[in-house]
Amino acid sequence: YGRVVRDACEAGANIIVTGAGLPTNMPEFSKKFPEVAL
């Protein structure tokens, strides 16, 4: 999961949407991309 979030951010996604579980650590993987909405 974390690797795919980083992949999406690096590729230029503006917004990451996550379900299928409680993503309590979601911000961990987009730290370098503060402009990406979670």
Full PDB file with SEQRES, HELIX, SHEET, SSBOND, CRYST1, ORIGX, SCALE, CONECT and MASTER records, all heavy atoms in Angstrom:
SEQRES   1 A   38  TYR GLY ARG VAL VAL ARG ASP ALA CYS GLU ALA GLY ALA          
SEQRES   2 A   38  ASN ILE ILE VAL THR GLY ALA GLY LEU PRO THR ASN MET          
SEQRES   3 A   38  PRO GLU PHE SER LYS LYS PHE PRO GLU VAL ALA LEU              
HELIX    1 AA1 GLY A    2  ALA A   11  1                                  10    
HELIX    2 AA2 MET A   26  SER A   30  5                                   5    
CRYST1    1.000    1.000    1.000  90.00  90.00  90.00 P 1           1          
ORIGX1      1.000000  0.000000  0.000000        0.00000                         
ORIGX2      0.000000  1.000000  0.000000        0.00000                         
ORIGX3      0.000000  0.000000  1.000000        0.00000                         
SCALE1      1.000000  0.000000  0.000000        0.00000                         
SCALE2      0.000000  1.000000  0.000000        0.00000                         
SCALE3      0.000000  0.000000  1.000000        0.00000                         
ATOM      1  N   TYR A   1       0.825  -1.221   0.000  1.00  0.00           N  
ATOM      2  CA  TYR A   1       0.000   0.000   0.000  1.00  0.00           C  
ATOM      3  C   TYR A   1       0.858   1.271   0.000  1.00  0.00           C  
ATOM      4  O   TYR A   1       0.677   2.164  -0.832  1.00  0.00           O  
ATOM      5  CB  TYR A   1      -0.934   0.006   1.215  1.00  0.00           C  
ATOM      6  CG  TYR A   1      -1.667   1.320   1.408  1.00  0.00           C  
ATOM      7  CD1 TYR A   1      -2.751   1.653   0.613  1.00  0.00           C  
ATOM      8  CD2 TYR A   1      -1.261   2.244   2.381  1.00  0.00           C  
ATOM      9  CE1 TYR A   1      -3.419   2.871   0.776  1.00  0.00           C  
ATOM     10  CE2 TYR A   1      -1.911   3.455   2.553  1.00  0.00           C  
ATOM     11  CZ  TYR A   1      -2.990   3.759   1.752  1.00  0.00           C  
ATOM     12  OH  TYR A   1      -3.641   4.963   1.908  1.00  0.00           O  
ATOM     13  N   GLY A   2       1.818   1.347   0.924  1.00  0.00           N  
ATOM     14  CA  GLY A   2       2.641   2.549   1.033  1.00  0.00           C  
ATOM     15  C   GLY A   2       3.396   2.847  -0.245  1.00  0.00           C  
ATOM     16  O   GLY A   2       3.476   4.002  -0.688  1.00  0.00           O  
ATOM     17  N   ARG A   3       3.955   1.810  -0.863  1.00  0.00           N  
ATOM     18  CA  ARG A   3       4.690   1.992  -2.119  1.00  0.00           C  
ATOM     19  C   ARG A   3       3.774   2.523  -3.215  1.00  0.00           C  
ATOM     20  O   ARG A   3       4.150   3.431  -3.976  1.00  0.00           O  
ATOM     21  CB  ARG A   3       5.303   0.653  -2.531  1.00  0.00           C  
ATOM     22  CG  ARG A   3       6.279   0.742  -3.698  1.00  0.00           C  
ATOM     23  CD  ARG A   3       5.660   0.431  -5.047  1.00  0.00           C  
ATOM     24  NE  ARG A   3       5.180  -0.933  -5.141  1.00  0.00           N  
ATOM     25  CZ  ARG A   3       4.517  -1.379  -6.201  1.00  0.00           C  
ATOM     26  NH1 ARG A   3       4.220  -0.574  -7.207  1.00  0.00           N  
ATOM     27  NH2 ARG A   3       4.073  -2.619  -6.244  1.00  0.00           N  
ATOM     28  N   VAL A   4       2.540   2.014  -3.302  1.00  0.00           N  
ATOM     29  CA  VAL A   4       1.616   2.442  -4.358  1.00  0.00           C  
ATOM     30  C   VAL A   4       1.172   3.895  -4.140  1.00  0.00           C  
ATOM     31  O   VAL A   4       1.018   4.659  -5.091  1.00  0.00           O  
ATOM     32  CB  VAL A   4       0.413   1.488  -4.456  1.00  0.00           C  
ATOM     33  CG1 VAL A   4      -0.570   1.950  -5.543  1.00  0.00           C  
ATOM     34  CG2 VAL A   4       0.879   0.061  -4.764  1.00  0.00           C  
ATOM     35  N   VAL A   5       0.977   4.296  -2.862  1.00  0.00           N  
ATOM     36  CA  VAL A   5       0.659   5.707  -2.572  1.00  0.00           C  
ATOM     37  C   VAL A   5       1.794   6.603  -3.065  1.00  0.00           C  
ATOM     38  O   VAL A   5       1.553   7.622  -3.738  1.00  0.00           O  
ATOM     39  CB  VAL A   5       0.409   5.932  -1.064  1.00  0.00           C  
ATOM     40  CG1 VAL A   5       0.299   7.432  -0.762  1.00  0.00           C  
ATOM     41  CG2 VAL A   5      -0.857   5.228  -0.618  1.00  0.00           C  
ATOM     42  N   ARG A   6       3.033   6.228  -2.763  1.00  0.00           N  
ATOM     43  CA  ARG A   6       4.184   7.025  -3.225  1.00  0.00           C  
ATOM     44  C   ARG A   6       4.255   7.049  -4.745  1.00  0.00           C  
ATOM     45  O   ARG A   6       4.534   8.096  -5.351  1.00  0.00           O  
ATOM     46  CB  ARG A   6       5.484   6.479  -2.624  1.00  0.00           C  
ATOM     47  CG  ARG A   6       5.660   6.817  -1.143  1.00  0.00           C  
ATOM     48  CD  ARG A   6       7.056   6.466  -0.655  1.00  0.00           C  
ATOM     49  NE  ARG A   6       7.270   5.035  -0.596  1.00  0.00           N  
ATOM     50  CZ  ARG A   6       7.061   4.278   0.478  1.00  0.00           C  
ATOM     51  NH1 ARG A   6       6.634   4.835   1.607  1.00  0.00           N  
ATOM     52  NH2 ARG A   6       7.285   2.980   0.443  1.00  0.00           N  
ATOM     53  N   ASP A   7       3.991   5.905  -5.369  1.00  0.00           N  
ATOM     54  CA  ASP A   7       3.996   5.840  -6.841  1.00  0.00           C  
ATOM     55  C   ASP A   7       2.985   6.826  -7.428  1.00  0.00           C  
ATOM     56  O   ASP A   7       3.283   7.534  -8.393  1.00  0.00           O  
ATOM     57  CB  ASP A   7       3.632   4.429  -7.317  1.00  0.00           C  
ATOM     58  CG  ASP A   7       4.709   3.396  -7.022  1.00  0.00           C  
ATOM     59  OD1 ASP A   7       5.829   3.796  -6.636  1.00  0.00           O  
ATOM     60  OD2 ASP A   7       4.411   2.192  -7.173  1.00  0.00           O  
ATOM     61  N   ALA A   8       1.783   6.867  -6.855  1.00  0.00           N  
ATOM     62  CA  ALA A   8       0.729   7.750  -7.354  1.00  0.00           C  
ATOM     63  C   ALA A   8       1.112   9.212  -7.181  1.00  0.00           C  
ATOM     64  O   ALA A   8       0.907  10.038  -8.081  1.00  0.00           O  
ATOM     65  CB  ALA A   8      -0.588   7.448  -6.645  1.00  0.00           C  
ATOM     66  N   CYS A   9       1.673   9.528  -6.027  1.00  0.00           N  
ATOM     67  CA  CYS A   9       2.106  10.916  -5.767  1.00  0.00           C  
ATOM     68  C   CYS A   9       3.197  11.339  -6.742  1.00  0.00           C  
ATOM     69  O   CYS A   9       3.147  12.432  -7.323  1.00  0.00           O  
ATOM     70  CB  CYS A   9       2.594  11.068  -4.330  1.00  0.00           C  
ATOM     71  SG  CYS A   9       1.328  10.874  -3.069  1.00  0.00           S  
ATOM     72  N   GLU A  10       4.174  10.460  -6.943  1.00  0.00           N  
ATOM     73  CA  GLU A  10       5.277  10.772  -7.855  1.00  0.00           C  
ATOM     74  C   GLU A  10       4.792  10.947  -9.285  1.00  0.00           C  
ATOM     75  O   GLU A  10       5.348  11.749 -10.051  1.00  0.00           O  
ATOM     76  CB  GLU A  10       6.337   9.660  -7.801  1.00  0.00           C  
ATOM     77  CG  GLU A  10       7.143   9.645  -6.517  1.00  0.00           C  
ATOM     78  CD  GLU A  10       8.061   8.436  -6.417  1.00  0.00           C  
ATOM     79  OE1 GLU A  10       8.219   7.722  -7.434  1.00  0.00           O  
ATOM     80  OE2 GLU A  10       8.615   8.205  -5.326  1.00  0.00           O  
ATOM     81  N   ALA A  11       3.737  10.215  -9.646  1.00  0.00           N  
ATOM     82  CA  ALA A  11       3.213  10.273 -11.018  1.00  0.00           C  
ATOM     83  C   ALA A  11       2.312  11.481 -11.251  1.00  0.00           C  
ATOM     84  O   ALA A  11       1.901  11.723 -12.390  1.00  0.00           O  
ATOM     85  CB  ALA A  11       2.450   8.983 -11.330  1.00  0.00           C  
ATOM     86  N   GLY A  12       1.995  12.222 -10.182  1.00  0.00           N  
ATOM     87  CA  GLY A  12       1.231  13.450 -10.373  1.00  0.00           C  
ATOM     88  C   GLY A  12      -0.219  13.413  -9.939  1.00  0.00           C  
ATOM     89  O   GLY A  12      -0.992  14.300 -10.316  1.00  0.00           O  
ATOM     90  N   ALA A  13      -0.604  12.427  -9.137  1.00  0.00           N  
ATOM     91  CA  ALA A  13      -1.978  12.425  -8.605  1.00  0.00           C  
ATOM     92  C   ALA A  13      -2.171  13.630  -7.698  1.00  0.00           C  
ATOM     93  O   ALA A  13      -1.275  13.994  -6.938  1.00  0.00           O  
ATOM     94  CB  ALA A  13      -2.246  11.143  -7.823  1.00  0.00           C  
ATOM     95  N   ASN A  14      -3.351  14.250  -7.770  1.00  0.00           N  
ATOM     96  CA  ASN A  14      -3.660  15.395  -6.905  1.00  0.00           C  
ATOM     97  C   ASN A  14      -4.348  14.973  -5.619  1.00  0.00           C  
ATOM     98  O   ASN A  14      -4.203  15.629  -4.586  1.00  0.00           O  
ATOM     99  CB  ASN A  14      -4.575  16.385  -7.629  1.00  0.00           C  
ATOM    100  CG  ASN A  14      -3.985  16.873  -8.938  1.00  0.00           C  
ATOM    101  OD1 ASN A  14      -4.561  16.648  -9.994  1.00  0.00           O  
ATOM    102  ND2 ASN A  14      -2.841  17.527  -8.892  1.00  0.00           N  
ATOM    103  N   ILE A  15      -5.111  13.881  -5.697  1.00  0.00           N  
ATOM    104  CA  ILE A  15      -5.935  13.441  -4.561  1.00  0.00           C  
ATOM    105  C   ILE A  15      -5.831  11.929  -4.454  1.00  0.00           C  
ATOM    106  O   ILE A  15      -5.965  11.221  -5.456  1.00  0.00           O  
ATOM    107  CB  ILE A  15      -7.408  13.868  -4.757  1.00  0.00           C  
ATOM    108  CG1 ILE A  15      -7.513  15.409  -4.795  1.00  0.00           C  
ATOM    109  CG2 ILE A  15      -8.314  13.296  -3.658  1.00  0.00           C  
ATOM    110  CD1 ILE A  15      -8.887  15.937  -5.230  1.00  0.00           C  
ATOM    111  N   ILE A  16      -5.577  11.422  -3.243  1.00  0.00           N  
ATOM    112  CA  ILE A  16      -5.555   9.979  -2.996  1.00  0.00           C  
ATOM    113  C   ILE A  16      -6.782   9.615  -2.169  1.00  0.00           C  
ATOM    114  O   ILE A  16      -7.030  10.209  -1.113  1.00  0.00           O  
ATOM    115  CB  ILE A  16      -4.288   9.537  -2.229  1.00  0.00           C  
ATOM    116  CG1 ILE A  16      -3.007   9.968  -2.967  1.00  0.00           C  
ATOM    117  CG2 ILE A  16      -4.301   8.025  -1.995  1.00  0.00           C  
ATOM    118  CD1 ILE A  16      -2.748   9.265  -4.257  1.00  0.00           C  
ATOM    119  N   VAL A  17      -7.542   8.639  -2.648  1.00  0.00           N  
ATOM    120  CA  VAL A  17      -8.730   8.151  -1.945  1.00  0.00           C  
ATOM    121  C   VAL A  17      -8.451   6.717  -1.504  1.00  0.00           C  
ATOM    122  O   VAL A  17      -7.994   5.897  -2.295  1.00  0.00           O  
ATOM    123  CB  VAL A  17      -9.968   8.185  -2.861  1.00  0.00           C  
ATOM    124  CG1 VAL A  17     -11.212   7.706  -2.116  1.00  0.00           C  
ATOM    125  CG2 VAL A  17     -10.190   9.592  -3.420  1.00  0.00           C  
ATOM    126  N   THR A  18      -8.720   6.410  -0.225  1.00  0.00           N  
ATOM    127  CA  THR A  18      -8.425   5.069   0.291  1.00  0.00           C  
ATOM    128  C   THR A  18      -9.559   4.525   1.133  1.00  0.00           C  
ATOM    129  O   THR A  18     -10.032   5.182   2.057  1.00  0.00           O  
ATOM    130  CB  THR A  18      -7.130   5.084   1.139  1.00  0.00           C  
ATOM    131  OG1 THR A  18      -6.001   5.219   0.287  1.00  0.00           O  
ATOM    132  CG2 THR A  18      -6.973   3.778   1.927  1.00  0.00           C  
ATOM    133  N   GLY A  19      -9.988   3.298   0.795  1.00  0.00           N  
ATOM    134  CA  GLY A  19     -10.966   2.559   1.589  1.00  0.00           C  
ATOM    135  C   GLY A  19     -10.474   1.145   1.820  1.00  0.00           C  
ATOM    136  O   GLY A  19      -9.278   0.872   1.710  1.00  0.00           O  
ATOM    137  N   ALA A  20     -11.386   0.228   2.140  1.00  0.00           N  
ATOM    138  CA  ALA A  20     -11.052  -1.178   2.423  1.00  0.00           C  
ATOM    139  C   ALA A  20     -10.086  -1.291   3.593  1.00  0.00           C  
ATOM    140  O   ALA A  20      -8.999  -1.857   3.494  1.00  0.00           O  
ATOM    141  CB  ALA A  20     -10.501  -1.886   1.187  1.00  0.00           C  
ATOM    142  N   GLY A  21     -10.491  -0.711   4.717  1.00  0.00           N  
ATOM    143  CA  GLY A  21      -9.678  -0.716   5.926  1.00  0.00           C  
ATOM    144  C   GLY A  21      -9.552   0.695   6.470  1.00  0.00           C  
ATOM    145  O   GLY A  21      -9.969   1.661   5.815  1.00  0.00           O  
ATOM    146  N   LEU A  22      -9.015   0.818   7.664  1.00  0.00           N  
ATOM    147  CA  LEU A  22      -8.844   2.136   8.283  1.00  0.00           C  
ATOM    148  C   LEU A  22      -7.420   2.636   8.022  1.00  0.00           C  
ATOM    149  O   LEU A  22      -6.465   2.151   8.658  1.00  0.00           O  
ATOM    150  CB  LEU A  22      -9.081   2.055   9.797  1.00  0.00           C  
ATOM    151  CG  LEU A  22     -10.522   2.104  10.299  1.00  0.00           C  
ATOM    152  CD1 LEU A  22     -10.528   2.083  11.823  1.00  0.00           C  
ATOM    153  CD2 LEU A  22     -11.256   3.324   9.780  1.00  0.00           C  
ATOM    154  N   PRO A  23      -7.243   3.599   7.133  1.00  0.00           N  
ATOM    155  CA  PRO A  23      -5.888   4.048   6.773  1.00  0.00           C  
ATOM    156  C   PRO A  23      -5.303   5.015   7.796  1.00  0.00           C  
ATOM    157  O   PRO A  23      -5.097   6.200   7.530  1.00  0.00           O  
ATOM    158  CB  PRO A  23      -6.112   4.726   5.414  1.00  0.00           C  
ATOM    159  CG  PRO A  23      -7.507   5.260   5.492  1.00  0.00           C  
ATOM    160  CD  PRO A  23      -8.280   4.282   6.342  1.00  0.00           C  
ATOM    161  N   THR A  24      -5.003   4.513   8.985  1.00  0.00           N  
ATOM    162  CA  THR A  24      -4.531   5.369  10.082  1.00  0.00           C  
ATOM    163  C   THR A  24      -3.132   5.930   9.830  1.00  0.00           C  
ATOM    164  O   THR A  24      -2.733   6.907  10.456  1.00  0.00           O  
ATOM    165  CB  THR A  24      -4.539   4.596  11.417  1.00  0.00           C  
ATOM    166  OG1 THR A  24      -3.809   3.374  11.239  1.00  0.00           O  
ATOM    167  CG2 THR A  24      -5.955   4.278  11.855  1.00  0.00           C  
ATOM    168  N   ASN A  25      -2.370   5.292   8.920  1.00  0.00           N  
ATOM    169  CA  ASN A  25      -1.014   5.781   8.632  1.00  0.00           C  
ATOM    170  C   ASN A  25      -0.897   6.337   7.213  1.00  0.00           C  
ATOM    171  O   ASN A  25       0.210   6.506   6.693  1.00  0.00           O  
ATOM    172  CB  ASN A  25       0.020   4.671   8.850  1.00  0.00           C  
ATOM    173  CG  ASN A  25      -0.224   3.462   7.944  1.00  0.00           C  
ATOM    174  OD1 ASN A  25      -1.284   3.336   7.344  1.00  0.00           O  
ATOM    175  ND2 ASN A  25       0.755   2.576   7.869  1.00  0.00           N  
ATOM    176  N   MET A  26      -1.994   6.649   6.591  1.00  0.00           N  
ATOM    177  CA  MET A  26      -2.005   7.138   5.207  1.00  0.00           C  
ATOM    178  C   MET A  26      -1.054   8.330   4.971  1.00  0.00           C  
ATOM    179  O   MET A  26      -0.319   8.350   3.981  1.00  0.00           O  
ATOM    180  CB  MET A  26      -3.448   7.505   4.834  1.00  0.00           C  
ATOM    181  CG  MET A  26      -3.691   7.813   3.371  1.00  0.00           C  
ATOM    182  SD  MET A  26      -5.463   8.200   3.162  1.00  0.00           S  
ATOM    183  CE  MET A  26      -5.555   8.575   1.428  1.00  0.00           C  
ATOM    184  N   PRO A  27      -1.023   9.338   5.864  1.00  0.00           N  
ATOM    185  CA  PRO A  27      -0.147  10.486   5.616  1.00  0.00           C  
ATOM    186  C   PRO A  27       1.341  10.144   5.615  1.00  0.00           C  
ATOM    187  O   PRO A  27       2.153  10.915   5.094  1.00  0.00           O  
ATOM    188  CB  PRO A  27      -0.476  11.438   6.777  1.00  0.00           C  
ATOM    189  CG  PRO A  27      -1.833  11.027   7.252  1.00  0.00           C  
ATOM    190  CD  PRO A  27      -1.863   9.546   7.066  1.00  0.00           C  
ATOM    191  N   GLU A  28       1.689   9.006   6.206  1.00  0.00           N  
ATOM    192  CA  GLU A  28       3.091   8.598   6.288  1.00  0.00           C  
ATOM    193  C   GLU A  28       3.729   8.515   4.901  1.00  0.00           C  
ATOM    194  O   GLU A  28       4.911   8.833   4.722  1.00  0.00           O  
ATOM    195  CB  GLU A  28       3.168   7.218   6.969  1.00  0.00           C  
ATOM    196  CG  GLU A  28       4.559   6.719   7.266  1.00  0.00           C  
ATOM    197  CD  GLU A  28       5.210   7.463   8.419  1.00  0.00           C  
ATOM    198  OE1 GLU A  28       4.505   7.845   9.371  1.00  0.00           O  
ATOM    199  OE2 GLU A  28       6.436   7.673   8.336  1.00  0.00           O  
ATOM    200  N   PHE A  29       2.930   8.099   3.926  1.00  0.00           N  
ATOM    201  CA  PHE A  29       3.480   7.769   2.618  1.00  0.00           C  
ATOM    202  C   PHE A  29       3.431   8.929   1.626  1.00  0.00           C  
ATOM    203  O   PHE A  29       3.897   8.793   0.500  1.00  0.00           O  
ATOM    204  CB  PHE A  29       2.750   6.554   2.060  1.00  0.00           C  
ATOM    205  CG  PHE A  29       2.674   5.425   3.042  1.00  0.00           C  
ATOM    206  CD1 PHE A  29       1.459   5.058   3.621  1.00  0.00           C  
ATOM    207  CD2 PHE A  29       3.820   4.745   3.432  1.00  0.00           C  
ATOM    208  CE1 PHE A  29       1.392   4.033   4.553  1.00  0.00           C  
ATOM    209  CE2 PHE A  29       3.761   3.720   4.361  1.00  0.00           C  
ATOM    210  CZ  PHE A  29       2.544   3.359   4.929  1.00  0.00           C  
ATOM    211  N   SER A  30       2.843  10.045   2.035  1.00  0.00           N  
ATOM    212  CA  SER A  30       2.768  11.200   1.126  1.00  0.00           C  
ATOM    213  C   SER A  30       3.465  12.423   1.726  1.00  0.00           C  
ATOM    214  O   SER A  30       3.222  13.550   1.299  1.00  0.00           O  
ATOM    215  CB  SER A  30       1.302  11.538   0.823  1.00  0.00           C  
ATOM    216  OG  SER A  30       0.615  11.927   2.004  1.00  0.00           O  
ATOM    217  N   LYS A  31       4.344  12.184   2.705  1.00  0.00           N  
ATOM    218  CA  LYS A  31       5.018  13.288   3.412  1.00  0.00           C  
ATOM    219  C   LYS A  31       5.757  14.242   2.466  1.00  0.00           C  
ATOM    220  O   LYS A  31       5.777  15.443   2.670  1.00  0.00           O  
ATOM    221  CB  LYS A  31       6.033  12.724   4.416  1.00  0.00           C  
ATOM    222  CG  LYS A  31       5.430  12.242   5.725  1.00  0.00           C  
ATOM    223  CD  LYS A  31       6.543  11.702   6.615  1.00  0.00           C  
ATOM    224  CE  LYS A  31       5.999  11.231   7.954  1.00  0.00           C  
ATOM    225  NZ  LYS A  31       7.069  10.613   8.777  1.00  0.00           N  
ATOM    226  N   LYS A  32       6.348  13.687   1.436  1.00  0.00           N  
ATOM    227  CA  LYS A  32       7.130  14.509   0.506  1.00  0.00           C  
ATOM    228  C   LYS A  32       6.249  15.254  -0.502  1.00  0.00           C  
ATOM    229  O   LYS A  32       6.760  15.980  -1.352  1.00  0.00           O  
ATOM    230  CB  LYS A  32       8.144  13.631  -0.239  1.00  0.00           C  
ATOM    231  CG  LYS A  32       9.215  13.032   0.660  1.00  0.00           C  
ATOM    232  CD  LYS A  32      10.178  12.175  -0.148  1.00  0.00           C  
ATOM    233  CE  LYS A  32      11.237  11.549   0.758  1.00  0.00           C  
ATOM    234  NZ  LYS A  32      12.156  10.650  -0.007  1.00  0.00           N  
ATOM    235  N   PHE A  33       4.946  15.036  -0.411  1.00  0.00           N  
ATOM    236  CA  PHE A  33       4.018  15.621  -1.377  1.00  0.00           C  
ATOM    237  C   PHE A  33       2.884  16.338  -0.640  1.00  0.00           C  
ATOM    238  O   PHE A  33       1.725  15.901  -0.665  1.00  0.00           O  
ATOM    239  CB  PHE A  33       3.451  14.535  -2.296  1.00  0.00           C  
ATOM    240  CG  PHE A  33       4.512  13.731  -2.999  1.00  0.00           C  
ATOM    241  CD1 PHE A  33       5.010  12.566  -2.423  1.00  0.00           C  
ATOM    242  CD2 PHE A  33       5.034  14.155  -4.210  1.00  0.00           C  
ATOM    243  CE1 PHE A  33       5.999  11.823  -3.057  1.00  0.00           C  
ATOM    244  CE2 PHE A  33       6.015  13.417  -4.860  1.00  0.00           C  
ATOM    245  CZ  PHE A  33       6.512  12.251  -4.276  1.00  0.00           C  
ATOM    246  N   PRO A  34       3.190  17.446   0.052  1.00  0.00           N  
ATOM    247  CA  PRO A  34       2.170  18.120   0.871  1.00  0.00           C  
ATOM    248  C   PRO A  34       1.002  18.670   0.068  1.00  0.00           C  
ATOM    249  O   PRO A  34      -0.067  18.925   0.621  1.00  0.00           O  
ATOM    250  CB  PRO A  34       2.952  19.253   1.543  1.00  0.00           C  
ATOM    251  CG  PRO A  34       4.159  19.468   0.681  1.00  0.00           C  
ATOM    252  CD  PRO A  34       4.493  18.128   0.108  1.00  0.00           C  
ATOM    253  N   GLU A  35       1.186  18.816  -1.248  1.00  0.00           N  
ATOM    254  CA  GLU A  35       0.098  19.342  -2.086  1.00  0.00           C  
ATOM    255  C   GLU A  35      -0.942  18.272  -2.430  1.00  0.00           C  
ATOM    256  O   GLU A  35      -2.021  18.584  -2.935  1.00  0.00           O  
ATOM    257  CB  GLU A  35       0.676  19.938  -3.385  1.00  0.00           C  
ATOM    258  CG  GLU A  35       1.184  18.930  -4.396  1.00  0.00           C  
ATOM    259  CD  GLU A  35       2.541  18.301  -4.059  1.00  0.00           C  
ATOM    260  OE1 GLU A  35       3.143  18.678  -3.033  1.00  0.00           O  
ATOM    261  OE2 GLU A  35       2.996  17.432  -4.830  1.00  0.00           O  
ATOM    262  N   VAL A  36      -0.625  16.995  -2.154  1.00  0.00           N  
ATOM    263  CA  VAL A  36      -1.562  15.907  -2.457  1.00  0.00           C  
ATOM    264  C   VAL A  36      -2.601  15.797  -1.346  1.00  0.00           C  
ATOM    265  O   VAL A  36      -2.263  15.640  -0.171  1.00  0.00           O  
ATOM    266  CB  VAL A  36      -0.816  14.561  -2.624  1.00  0.00           C  
ATOM    267  CG1 VAL A  36      -1.802  13.419  -2.826  1.00  0.00           C  
ATOM    268  CG2 VAL A  36       0.148  14.640  -3.812  1.00  0.00           C  
ATOM    269  N   ALA A  37      -3.879  15.901  -1.714  1.00  0.00           N  
ATOM    270  CA  ALA A  37      -4.969  15.799  -0.735  1.00  0.00           C  
ATOM    271  C   ALA A  37      -5.237  14.334  -0.410  1.00  0.00           C  
ATOM    272  O   ALA A  37      -5.161  13.465  -1.280  1.00  0.00           O  
ATOM    273  CB  ALA A  37      -6.221  16.459  -1.293  1.00  0.00           C  
ATOM    274  N   LEU A  38      -5.567  14.066   0.867  1.00  0.00           N  
ATOM    275  CA  LEU A  38      -5.801  12.701   1.339  1.00  0.00           C  
ATOM    276  C   LEU A  38      -7.250  12.543   1.769  1.00  0.00           C  
ATOM    277  O   LEU A  38      -7.752  13.302   2.600  1.00  0.00           O  
ATOM    278  CB  LEU A  38      -4.865  12.377   2.502  1.00  0.00           C  
ATOM    279  CG  LEU A  38      -3.357  12.512   2.215  1.00  0.00           C  
ATOM    280  CD1 LEU A  38      -2.549  12.132   3.445  1.00  0.00           C  
ATOM    281  CD2 LEU A  38      -2.942  11.674   1.009  1.00  0.00           C  
TER     282      LEU A  38                                                      
MASTER        0    0    0    2    0    0    0    6  281    1    0    3          
END                                                                             
